[in-house]
Amino acid sequence: MRKFILFLVAALCVCLYSCNSCKKEKKQEAVVEKAEIVLERVNSIDKEYMFANYGDYKWFESCIVLDSYLDEENDGTITGVSNVFQVIARDFDTKVVLIAHTADTTAIEAKEHAFWVEDQPLNYEDIKVTFKEAYEKINQVNFPKPHSKQVVLRKQLGPKACNPQYIFGNQKAQLYVDAITGEVTDKNPAFPEE
C-alpha cells in the first residue's frame, strides 16, 4: 500500500509540474509581438531583391503609412511601406515594380510597359536622415501637423533642383524634411514661391 501511495504522490507531482510548464509556455507565446517595420531595413531588402532579379534598376519612391494621424497622438510607428522601382529591359521596354510591405506580408507587382514620372532616381543619393530622425524633426518645429498618415520619400522633379525629401501630409498640407540636411519647411523646395 505504501508503494501505491508513493507512486500516486509521484504521479501527482509530475502532473502538476507539467501543467505549470504548459502554462509558462502559453504565457511566453502571448508575449510575442509583431516585428517593427524600419524603413531603412525594408529599403535595403527591396534594393537587394531588385538587383538580384533585375540587375540595373532605378529606385524612385518609398511610400510610408503610419499607424496614427500626424496631428493626433502619434509615435511614428510604421504600418506599411511601398517602394517604387523601374527597370529597362533589353528591348528597351520599361517595367515598374511595386513592392509593398506590412508587418506580416510582402506583395510584389511588376507592371509591364509602364513608366514612372515626376521623380528623380534615389539610387545614388546620400540619404543621411533616417525616417525616425525626420519624424522627430517635424515634431520639433512649430508648424501645424497635417491630418494624414502618409509620408513619402522622393526627389521631386521641378523647376528648382533639390535634395530628396520626406514629405509628411496630403494634398491640403505638407511638411518637407530634407533627407540630407534635415531642414524642415512647409514649402515645396522643388517649386519655390514666385
Protein backbone atom coordinates (compact mmCIF):
# COMPACT_ATOMS: atom_id res chain seq x y z
CA MET A 1 0.00 0.00 0.00
CA ARG A 2 2.89 2.37 0.79
CA LYS A 3 4.33 1.84 -2.68
CA PHE A 4 0.96 2.60 -4.25
CA ILE A 5 0.57 5.87 -2.25
CA LEU A 6 4.18 6.83 -3.04
CA PHE A 7 3.56 6.11 -6.74
CA LEU A 8 0.34 8.19 -6.64
CA VAL A 9 2.11 11.15 -4.99
CA ALA A 10 4.95 10.99 -7.55
CA ALA A 11 2.46 10.85 -10.43
CA LEU A 12 0.57 13.82 -8.99
CA CYS A 13 3.82 15.84 -8.68
CA VAL A 14 4.79 15.05 -12.28
CA CYS A 15 1.32 16.04 -13.46
CA LEU A 16 1.39 19.35 -11.53
CA TYR A 17 4.90 20.15 -12.79
CA SER A 18 3.98 19.52 -16.42
CA CYS A 19 0.79 21.61 -16.10
CA ASN A 20 2.82 24.52 -14.72
CA SER A 21 5.35 24.27 -17.58
CA CYS A 22 2.45 24.26 -20.10
CA LYS A 23 1.11 27.46 -18.57
CA LYS A 24 4.56 29.06 -18.76
CA GLU A 25 4.90 28.16 -22.45
CA LYS A 26 1.48 29.66 -23.20
CA LYS A 27 2.41 32.88 -21.38
CA GLN A 28 5.60 33.17 -23.44
CA GLU A 29 3.65 32.72 -26.68
CA ALA A 30 1.27 35.53 -25.70
CA VAL A 31 4.17 37.98 -25.28
CA VAL A 32 5.37 37.61 -28.89
CA GLU A 33 4.81 40.89 -30.79
CA LYS A 34 4.81 41.76 -34.47
CA ALA A 35 8.14 42.91 -35.84
CA GLU A 36 8.65 46.65 -36.12
CA ILE A 37 8.83 47.98 -39.67
CA VAL A 38 12.02 50.00 -40.13
CA LEU A 39 12.09 51.96 -43.41
CA GLU A 40 15.83 51.70 -43.96
CA ARG A 41 15.81 47.92 -43.42
CA VAL A 42 12.87 47.45 -45.82
CA ASN A 43 14.55 49.64 -48.46
CA SER A 44 17.77 47.66 -48.21
CA ILE A 45 15.94 44.33 -48.63
CA ASP A 46 13.96 45.65 -51.61
CA LYS A 47 17.06 47.02 -53.34
CA GLU A 48 18.79 43.66 -52.89
CA TYR A 49 15.73 41.94 -54.40
CA MET A 50 15.74 44.31 -57.38
CA PHE A 51 19.45 43.80 -58.03
CA ALA A 52 19.18 40.02 -57.74
CA ASN A 53 16.14 39.78 -60.03
CA TYR A 54 16.56 42.65 -62.50
CA GLY A 55 20.16 43.87 -62.30
CA ASP A 56 20.11 47.56 -63.16
CA TYR A 57 17.13 49.45 -61.73
CA LYS A 58 16.01 52.94 -60.66
CA TRP A 59 14.52 53.50 -57.19
CA PHE A 60 12.01 56.36 -57.20
CA GLU A 61 9.91 56.42 -54.02
CA SER A 62 9.24 54.98 -50.61
CA CYS A 63 5.61 55.48 -49.56
CA ILE A 64 5.05 55.10 -45.82
CA VAL A 65 1.78 54.61 -43.93
CA LEU A 66 1.76 55.50 -40.24
CA ASP A 67 -0.31 53.83 -37.55
CA SER A 68 -1.91 57.12 -36.44
CA TYR A 69 -2.59 60.58 -37.86
CA LEU A 70 0.24 63.10 -37.55
CA ASP A 71 -1.96 65.69 -35.78
CA GLU A 72 -3.14 63.19 -33.15
CA GLU A 73 -1.36 61.03 -30.59
CA ASN A 74 1.38 59.51 -32.75
CA ASP A 75 4.71 57.82 -32.06
CA GLY A 76 5.84 57.37 -35.67
CA THR A 77 5.03 53.65 -35.87
CA ILE A 78 5.00 52.46 -39.48
CA THR A 79 2.27 50.02 -40.55
CA GLY A 80 3.21 49.79 -44.23
CA VAL A 81 5.88 50.65 -46.80
CA SER A 82 5.63 50.57 -50.59
CA ASN A 83 8.67 51.04 -52.80
CA VAL A 84 8.59 52.05 -56.46
CA PHE A 85 11.26 50.86 -58.89
CA GLN A 86 11.67 50.97 -62.65
CA VAL A 87 13.75 48.72 -64.90
CA ILE A 88 14.58 48.84 -68.58
CA ALA A 89 14.53 45.51 -70.41
CA ARG A 90 17.00 44.52 -73.14
CA ASP A 91 14.49 45.54 -75.80
CA PHE A 92 14.33 49.00 -74.12
CA ASP A 93 10.82 48.42 -72.85
CA THR A 94 10.22 49.61 -69.30
CA LYS A 95 8.65 47.90 -66.31
CA VAL A 96 7.57 49.42 -62.98
CA VAL A 97 7.98 47.15 -59.95
CA LEU A 98 5.96 47.91 -56.82
CA ILE A 99 6.92 46.17 -53.57
CA ALA A 100 4.51 46.62 -50.64
CA HIS A 101 5.15 45.55 -47.04
CA THR A 102 3.08 45.28 -43.88
CA ALA A 103 4.19 43.70 -40.61
CA ASP A 104 3.42 40.20 -41.86
CA THR A 105 3.07 40.36 -45.67
CA THR A 106 5.02 41.37 -48.75
CA ALA A 107 3.45 41.81 -52.18
CA ILE A 108 5.36 42.35 -55.43
CA GLU A 109 3.70 43.60 -58.59
CA ALA A 110 5.53 44.14 -61.88
CA LYS A 111 3.67 46.38 -64.34
CA GLU A 112 4.74 45.65 -67.91
CA HIS A 113 5.16 48.53 -70.40
CA ALA A 114 4.92 51.10 -67.60
CA PHE A 115 6.94 54.23 -66.92
CA TRP A 116 7.39 56.27 -63.70
CA VAL A 117 7.35 60.08 -63.94
CA GLU A 118 7.69 63.21 -61.75
CA ASP A 119 10.54 61.80 -59.63
CA GLN A 120 14.28 61.66 -59.99
CA PRO A 121 16.02 58.38 -59.04
CA LEU A 122 17.22 57.97 -55.45
CA ASN A 123 19.82 55.30 -56.23
CA TYR A 124 22.90 57.47 -55.77
CA GLU A 125 21.57 59.99 -53.26
CA ASP A 126 23.42 60.16 -49.95
CA ILE A 127 20.37 59.99 -47.67
CA LYS A 128 21.72 60.88 -44.24
CA VAL A 129 18.47 61.45 -42.31
CA THR A 130 16.61 58.30 -41.25
CA PHE A 131 12.83 58.15 -41.17
CA LYS A 132 12.83 58.25 -37.35
CA GLU A 133 15.05 61.35 -37.40
CA ALA A 134 12.76 63.03 -39.94
CA TYR A 135 9.74 62.20 -37.79
CA GLU A 136 11.45 63.69 -34.72
CA LYS A 137 12.32 66.84 -36.69
CA ILE A 138 8.70 67.56 -37.69
CA ASN A 139 7.73 67.24 -34.04
CA GLN A 140 10.40 69.79 -33.02
CA VAL A 141 9.20 72.56 -35.33
CA ASN A 142 6.28 74.88 -34.80
CA PHE A 143 4.35 74.03 -37.98
CA PRO A 144 0.81 72.61 -37.79
CA LYS A 145 0.82 68.88 -38.44
CA PRO A 146 -1.24 67.70 -41.42
CA HIS A 147 -4.18 65.38 -40.74
CA SER A 148 -2.59 62.45 -42.54
CA LYS A 149 -0.99 59.05 -42.03
CA GLN A 150 1.02 59.36 -45.26
CA VAL A 151 4.72 60.05 -45.77
CA VAL A 152 6.73 59.72 -48.97
CA LEU A 153 10.48 59.77 -49.53
CA ARG A 154 11.12 61.13 -53.01
CA LYS A 155 13.17 63.57 -55.07
CA GLN A 156 10.51 65.50 -56.93
CA LEU A 157 11.18 66.79 -60.41
CA GLY A 158 10.57 70.54 -60.54
CA PRO A 159 11.91 73.88 -61.76
CA LYS A 160 14.40 74.01 -58.88
CA ALA A 161 16.85 71.21 -58.12
CA CYS A 162 16.51 69.97 -54.55
CA ASN A 163 17.56 67.12 -52.31
CA PRO A 164 15.35 64.10 -51.64
CA GLN A 165 12.57 64.96 -49.19
CA TYR A 166 10.49 63.14 -46.62
CA ILE A 167 7.06 64.63 -47.33
CA PHE A 168 4.58 64.27 -44.46
CA GLY A 169 0.97 65.06 -45.32
CA ASN A 170 -1.67 65.10 -48.03
CA GLN A 171 -2.88 67.41 -50.83
CA LYS A 172 -4.03 70.08 -48.38
CA ALA A 173 -0.92 70.39 -46.20
CA GLN A 174 2.62 69.04 -46.21
CA LEU A 175 5.80 69.24 -44.18
CA TYR A 176 9.09 68.65 -46.01
CA VAL A 177 12.20 67.27 -44.31
CA ASP A 178 15.37 67.38 -46.39
CA ALA A 179 16.73 63.80 -46.34
CA ILE A 180 20.33 65.07 -46.49
CA THR A 181 20.44 68.25 -44.38
CA GLY A 182 17.45 67.66 -42.07
CA GLU A 183 16.00 71.11 -42.76
CA VAL A 184 12.21 71.31 -42.25
CA THR A 185 9.83 73.55 -44.22
CA ASP A 186 6.18 73.73 -45.14
CA LYS A 187 7.03 74.86 -48.71
CA ASN A 188 7.88 72.50 -51.56
CA PRO A 189 11.61 73.05 -52.31
CA ALA A 190 11.18 71.81 -55.91
CA PHE A 191 8.62 74.55 -56.61
CA PRO A 192 9.80 77.79 -54.96
CA GLU A 193 7.35 80.61 -54.44
CA GLU A 194 7.33 83.20 -57.18
